[in-house]
Amino acid sequence: MQYSFLRFAAFVSLALAPVLSAQTPAGTAKTAAKAGATGQAGVGGFKVGDTVKIDTAFGWMDAKVLQVNGNRYYVHAQSGADVWKPYPAELRRIGPLNAEDRANGLYQLHDRVQVNVEGRWMDGEVTTEKGMEYQVTLADKRTAWAMANNLRLLPGGDKPLPAAKGGTPPKPGMVPCGGKIEGRYSSTGGFGGLTIVFRAGKASVPDISGGNEELECWMSGDKIILHKPGAPNEDMPLDINLDGTIDTPLGEIKKKGN
């Protein structure tokens, strides 16, 4: 299988430990212990005990808030490391954005927006996010990268559109996953962390650059193929287990949210 996700897996094995440990300066645990848990929400509205998602060198993973200090949160990552992460650049809420997120310049995949391209506002859709920068696909299929100050949400642009029919299946007999596999699936344990979000026949997966890539999701029985049109050699096969979990090249993932 030649899908670039395997290159991503190799990258994870090299990047995971040094990156997370590098984000944990000496004495951080002691500082966090002294800070204490006040029960008050920090900037962004998160409290001790909340589950959030954090940005790492190889994509987003779940984490639990241990300490709060303004817009900085000391969290226990799904990988096992304890790190400080700032909101909104490297720490986000799980699920739909709220008004505070929007006010802090956050957008999410499939938001319908206008992007300022050389002084002209053009309609498009957010198709990739990387930190605080977003790729917008325009109506003519061109793409543009922009920061929040060059984006604005169209009226109703945060509401999902009706599910569209899928394109050409990668194999005969396969049907779109929409309505059958939906929601946020994350690693159940083991090495590293992986999150795939299934929405209306599409799957958002982390790419090697640290952003997210949207692929078509097709299924037949207990088999799933994440498909990139025009790149059949990069198809990513998945297996659905009897308990509803899904096997991926990076281990098992389980539904954790809508």
Protein backbone atom coordinates (compact mmCIF):
# COMPACT_ATOMS: atom_id res chain seq x y z
CA MET A 1 0.00 0.00 0.00
CA GLN A 2 1.56 3.26 -1.13
CA TYR A 3 -0.72 5.67 0.69
CA SER A 4 1.16 8.58 2.22
CA PHE A 5 -0.48 7.70 5.56
CA LEU A 6 2.17 5.01 5.97
CA ARG A 7 4.87 7.64 5.62
CA PHE A 8 2.95 9.53 8.28
CA ALA A 9 3.09 6.44 10.53
CA ALA A 10 6.86 6.25 10.16
CA PHE A 11 7.08 9.93 10.96
CA VAL A 12 5.04 9.38 14.15
CA SER A 13 7.50 6.79 15.45
CA LEU A 14 10.35 9.27 15.16
CA ALA A 15 8.53 12.43 16.21
CA LEU A 16 6.25 11.44 19.09
CA ALA A 17 8.55 11.08 22.07
CA PRO A 18 10.98 13.96 21.40
CA VAL A 19 8.25 16.43 20.51
CA LEU A 20 6.08 15.82 23.54
CA SER A 21 9.03 15.68 25.89
CA ALA A 22 10.41 18.88 24.40
CA GLN A 23 7.13 20.59 25.24
CA THR A 24 7.50 19.58 28.88
CA PRO A 25 10.17 21.89 30.39
CA ALA A 26 12.01 20.93 33.53
CA GLY A 27 9.94 21.60 36.60
CA THR A 28 6.64 21.84 34.73
CA ALA A 29 5.00 19.15 36.86
CA LYS A 30 6.03 20.98 40.06
CA THR A 31 4.75 24.29 38.67
CA ALA A 32 1.45 22.69 37.77
CA ALA A 33 1.11 21.15 41.21
CA LYS A 34 1.71 24.52 42.85
CA ALA A 35 -0.81 26.22 40.55
CA GLY A 36 -3.63 24.11 41.99
CA ALA A 37 -7.03 23.32 40.53
CA THR A 38 -9.39 26.23 41.22
CA GLY A 39 -12.42 24.85 39.41
CA GLN A 40 -12.62 28.07 37.42
CA ALA A 41 -12.65 28.08 33.64
CA GLY A 42 -9.72 29.49 31.73
CA VAL A 43 -9.79 31.48 28.50
CA GLY A 44 -11.85 29.40 26.10
CA GLY A 45 -14.09 28.10 28.89
CA PHE A 46 -12.25 24.87 29.77
CA LYS A 47 -12.00 23.50 33.30
CA VAL A 48 -9.99 20.84 35.08
CA GLY A 49 -11.29 17.44 34.01
CA ASP A 50 -12.50 18.56 30.57
CA THR A 51 -11.43 16.54 27.53
CA VAL A 52 -9.99 18.66 24.75
CA LYS A 53 -7.89 18.14 21.65
CA ILE A 54 -4.31 19.37 21.32
CA ASP A 55 -2.02 19.99 18.38
CA THR A 56 1.13 17.87 18.12
CA ALA A 57 3.80 17.36 15.48
CA PHE A 58 1.71 14.65 13.82
CA GLY A 59 -1.83 15.98 14.20
CA TRP A 60 -4.53 16.47 16.82
CA MET A 61 -5.06 14.10 19.74
CA ASP A 62 -7.33 14.01 22.78
CA ALA A 63 -6.12 15.22 26.16
CA LYS A 64 -7.53 15.82 29.66
CA VAL A 65 -7.15 19.19 31.40
CA LEU A 66 -5.16 18.93 34.64
CA GLN A 67 -4.42 22.59 35.43
CA VAL A 68 -5.61 26.00 34.22
CA ASN A 69 -3.60 29.21 33.91
CA GLY A 70 -5.39 31.85 31.84
CA ASN A 71 -5.25 30.69 28.24
CA ARG A 72 -2.65 28.01 29.03
CA TYR A 73 -3.67 24.49 30.02
CA TYR A 74 -1.62 21.69 31.52
CA VAL A 75 -3.02 18.51 29.99
CA HIS A 76 -2.50 14.76 30.04
CA ALA A 77 -2.24 13.76 26.38
CA GLN A 78 -3.62 10.57 24.91
CA SER A 79 -0.02 9.54 24.21
CA GLY A 80 0.76 9.60 27.94
CA ALA A 81 2.72 12.87 28.12
CA ASP A 82 1.82 15.87 30.31
CA VAL A 83 2.30 19.20 28.52
CA TRP A 84 1.27 22.86 28.61
CA LYS A 85 -0.81 23.99 25.62
CA PRO A 86 -2.17 27.46 24.75
CA TYR A 87 -5.72 28.13 23.58
CA PRO A 88 -6.61 28.65 20.76
CA ALA A 89 -3.36 28.02 18.87
CA GLU A 90 -2.68 24.48 20.15
CA LEU A 91 -5.71 23.53 22.21
CA ARG A 92 -9.31 23.35 20.98
CA ARG A 93 -12.67 22.05 22.14
CA ILE A 94 -14.02 18.76 20.83
CA GLY A 95 -17.14 19.23 18.76
CA PRO A 96 -18.68 22.33 17.17
CA LEU A 97 -17.07 25.71 17.77
CA ASN A 98 -18.88 28.16 20.04
CA ALA A 99 -19.09 31.97 20.00
CA GLU A 100 -15.87 32.37 22.02
CA ASP A 101 -13.97 30.15 19.58
CA ARG A 102 -15.27 32.19 16.67
CA ALA A 103 -14.28 35.43 18.40
CA ASN A 104 -10.75 34.05 18.79
CA GLY A 105 -10.38 33.45 15.05
CA LEU A 106 -11.25 29.75 14.83
CA TYR A 107 -12.88 28.10 11.85
CA GLN A 108 -13.55 24.44 11.17
CA LEU A 109 -13.69 22.11 8.20
CA HIS A 110 -16.64 22.72 5.84
CA ASP A 111 -17.30 26.26 7.09
CA ARG A 112 -18.56 28.31 4.16
CA VAL A 113 -16.62 31.53 4.19
CA GLN A 114 -15.37 34.46 2.20
CA VAL A 115 -11.61 34.78 1.83
CA ASN A 116 -9.73 37.93 0.89
CA VAL A 117 -7.67 37.14 -2.22
CA GLU A 118 -5.61 40.14 -3.33
CA GLY A 119 -8.19 42.57 -2.01
CA ARG A 120 -11.21 40.73 -3.39
CA TRP A 121 -13.60 38.76 -1.19
CA MET A 122 -14.40 35.37 -2.74
CA ASP A 123 -16.76 32.62 -1.56
CA GLY A 124 -15.32 29.24 -0.64
CA GLU A 125 -15.21 26.37 1.85
CA VAL A 126 -12.63 25.58 4.52
CA THR A 127 -11.08 22.28 3.44
CA THR A 128 -7.84 22.12 5.44
CA GLU A 129 -6.72 23.59 8.75
CA LYS A 130 -3.17 23.93 10.02
CA GLY A 131 -2.82 25.70 13.33
CA MET A 132 -4.43 29.12 12.89
CA GLU A 133 -4.16 29.03 9.09
CA TYR A 134 -6.85 27.68 6.78
CA GLN A 135 -7.03 26.45 3.22
CA VAL A 136 -10.16 27.56 1.40
CA THR A 137 -11.37 25.88 -1.78
CA LEU A 138 -13.01 28.46 -4.03
CA ALA A 139 -15.99 27.91 -6.33
CA ASP A 140 -13.67 27.53 -9.33
CA LYS A 141 -11.70 24.81 -7.45
CA ARG A 142 -8.68 27.04 -6.86
CA THR A 143 -7.38 27.09 -3.31
CA ALA A 144 -6.09 29.87 -1.06
CA TRP A 145 -4.46 29.85 2.37
CA ALA A 146 -5.49 32.56 4.83
CA MET A 147 -5.32 33.57 8.46
CA ALA A 148 -8.46 34.46 10.39
CA ASN A 149 -8.15 38.19 9.68
CA ASN A 150 -8.59 37.42 5.96
CA LEU A 151 -11.67 35.24 6.47
CA ARG A 152 -15.28 35.91 7.32
CA LEU A 153 -18.10 33.44 7.87
CA LEU A 154 -20.96 33.53 5.39
CA PRO A 155 -24.49 33.72 6.89
CA GLY A 156 -25.35 30.18 7.92
CA GLY A 157 -21.88 29.08 6.85
CA ASP A 158 -21.37 27.05 10.02
CA LYS A 159 -24.45 24.89 9.32
CA PRO A 160 -23.87 21.61 7.45
CA LEU A 161 -25.24 21.23 3.95
CA PRO A 162 -27.34 18.18 3.02
CA ALA A 163 -25.18 15.14 2.42
CA ALA A 164 -24.07 14.94 -1.19
CA LYS A 165 -23.99 11.71 -3.15
CA GLY A 166 -20.56 10.16 -3.49
CA GLY A 167 -18.56 10.09 -6.70
CA THR A 168 -17.12 7.02 -8.34
CA PRO A 169 -16.47 4.15 -5.89
CA PRO A 170 -12.88 2.85 -5.77
CA LYS A 171 -14.20 -0.73 -6.14
CA PRO A 172 -17.44 -2.07 -7.65
CA GLY A 173 -20.24 -2.56 -5.13
CA MET A 174 -18.94 -0.06 -2.59
CA VAL A 175 -21.33 2.62 -1.26
CA PRO A 176 -20.69 5.97 0.50
CA CYS A 177 -20.18 5.78 4.28
CA GLY A 178 -22.53 8.72 4.90
CA GLY A 179 -25.23 7.85 7.43
CA LYS A 180 -23.47 4.60 8.34
CA ILE A 181 -20.11 5.73 9.74
CA GLU A 182 -20.42 9.17 11.35
CA GLY A 183 -18.60 11.04 14.11
CA ARG A 184 -15.17 11.36 15.68
CA TYR A 185 -13.14 8.18 16.06
CA SER A 186 -9.92 8.20 18.11
CA SER A 187 -7.27 5.70 19.18
CA THR A 188 -8.26 3.31 21.96
CA GLY A 189 -4.72 3.01 23.31
CA GLY A 190 -1.29 1.78 22.39
CA PHE A 191 1.31 3.75 20.50
CA GLY A 192 0.65 7.32 19.44
CA GLY A 193 -2.74 8.82 18.76
CA LEU A 194 -5.00 9.05 15.74
CA THR A 195 -8.31 10.81 15.16
CA ILE A 196 -10.48 10.47 12.05
CA VAL A 197 -13.70 12.46 11.71
CA PHE A 198 -16.38 10.94 9.46
CA ARG A 199 -18.99 13.35 8.08
CA ALA A 200 -21.53 12.79 5.29
CA GLY A 201 -19.47 10.34 3.29
CA LYS A 202 -16.15 12.13 3.88
CA ALA A 203 -13.29 11.44 6.29
CA SER A 204 -10.95 14.08 7.71
CA VAL A 205 -7.55 12.52 8.50
CA PRO A 206 -4.27 14.06 9.72
CA ASP A 207 -1.68 14.54 7.01
CA ILE A 208 2.10 14.56 7.23
CA SER A 209 2.23 18.39 7.29
CA GLY A 210 0.32 18.51 10.58
CA GLY A 211 -2.94 19.62 9.00
CA ASN A 212 -5.97 17.62 7.94
CA GLU A 213 -6.90 16.14 4.58
CA GLU A 214 -10.42 15.25 3.47
CA LEU A 215 -10.93 11.92 1.69
CA GLU A 216 -13.97 10.14 0.29
CA CYS A 217 -15.25 7.32 2.52
CA TRP A 218 -16.57 4.16 0.85
CA MET A 219 -17.65 0.88 2.41
CA SER A 220 -18.81 -2.65 1.65
CA GLY A 221 -19.70 -5.00 4.49
CA ASP A 222 -16.96 -4.69 7.12
CA LYS A 223 -14.50 -3.02 4.74
CA ILE A 224 -13.87 0.73 4.40
CA ILE A 225 -11.70 2.52 1.86
CA LEU A 226 -10.67 6.14 2.34
CA HIS A 227 -10.24 7.34 -1.22
CA LYS A 228 -8.53 10.34 -2.78
CA PRO A 229 -10.02 10.87 -6.26
CA GLY A 230 -7.36 10.59 -8.94
CA ALA A 231 -4.91 8.81 -6.64
CA PRO A 232 -5.98 5.13 -6.42
CA ASN A 233 -2.52 4.06 -5.23
CA GLU A 234 -3.08 6.13 -2.08
CA ASP A 235 -6.32 4.43 -1.03
CA MET A 236 -6.37 3.62 2.69
CA PRO A 237 -8.24 0.40 3.63
CA LEU A 238 -9.85 0.05 7.08
CA ASP A 239 -11.67 -2.85 8.77
CA ILE A 240 -14.81 -2.56 10.90
CA ASN A 241 -14.71 -4.85 13.95
CA LEU A 242 -17.72 -6.62 15.46
CA ASP A 243 -17.74 -4.20 18.42
CA GLY A 244 -17.89 -1.17 16.12
CA THR A 245 -14.25 -0.19 16.46
CA ILE A 246 -12.18 0.31 13.31
CA ASP A 247 -8.72 -1.09 12.54
CA THR A 248 -6.31 1.36 10.84
CA PRO A 249 -2.61 1.21 9.89
CA LEU A 250 -1.92 2.99 13.21
CA GLY A 251 -4.05 0.72 15.38
CA GLU A 252 -7.64 0.58 16.55
CA ILE A 253 -9.91 3.62 16.75
CA LYS A 254 -13.25 3.90 18.55
CA LYS A 255 -16.12 6.35 18.30
CA LYS A 256 -15.56 9.07 20.90
CA GLY A 257 -17.99 11.76 19.81
CA ASN A 258 -20.44 13.04 17.22
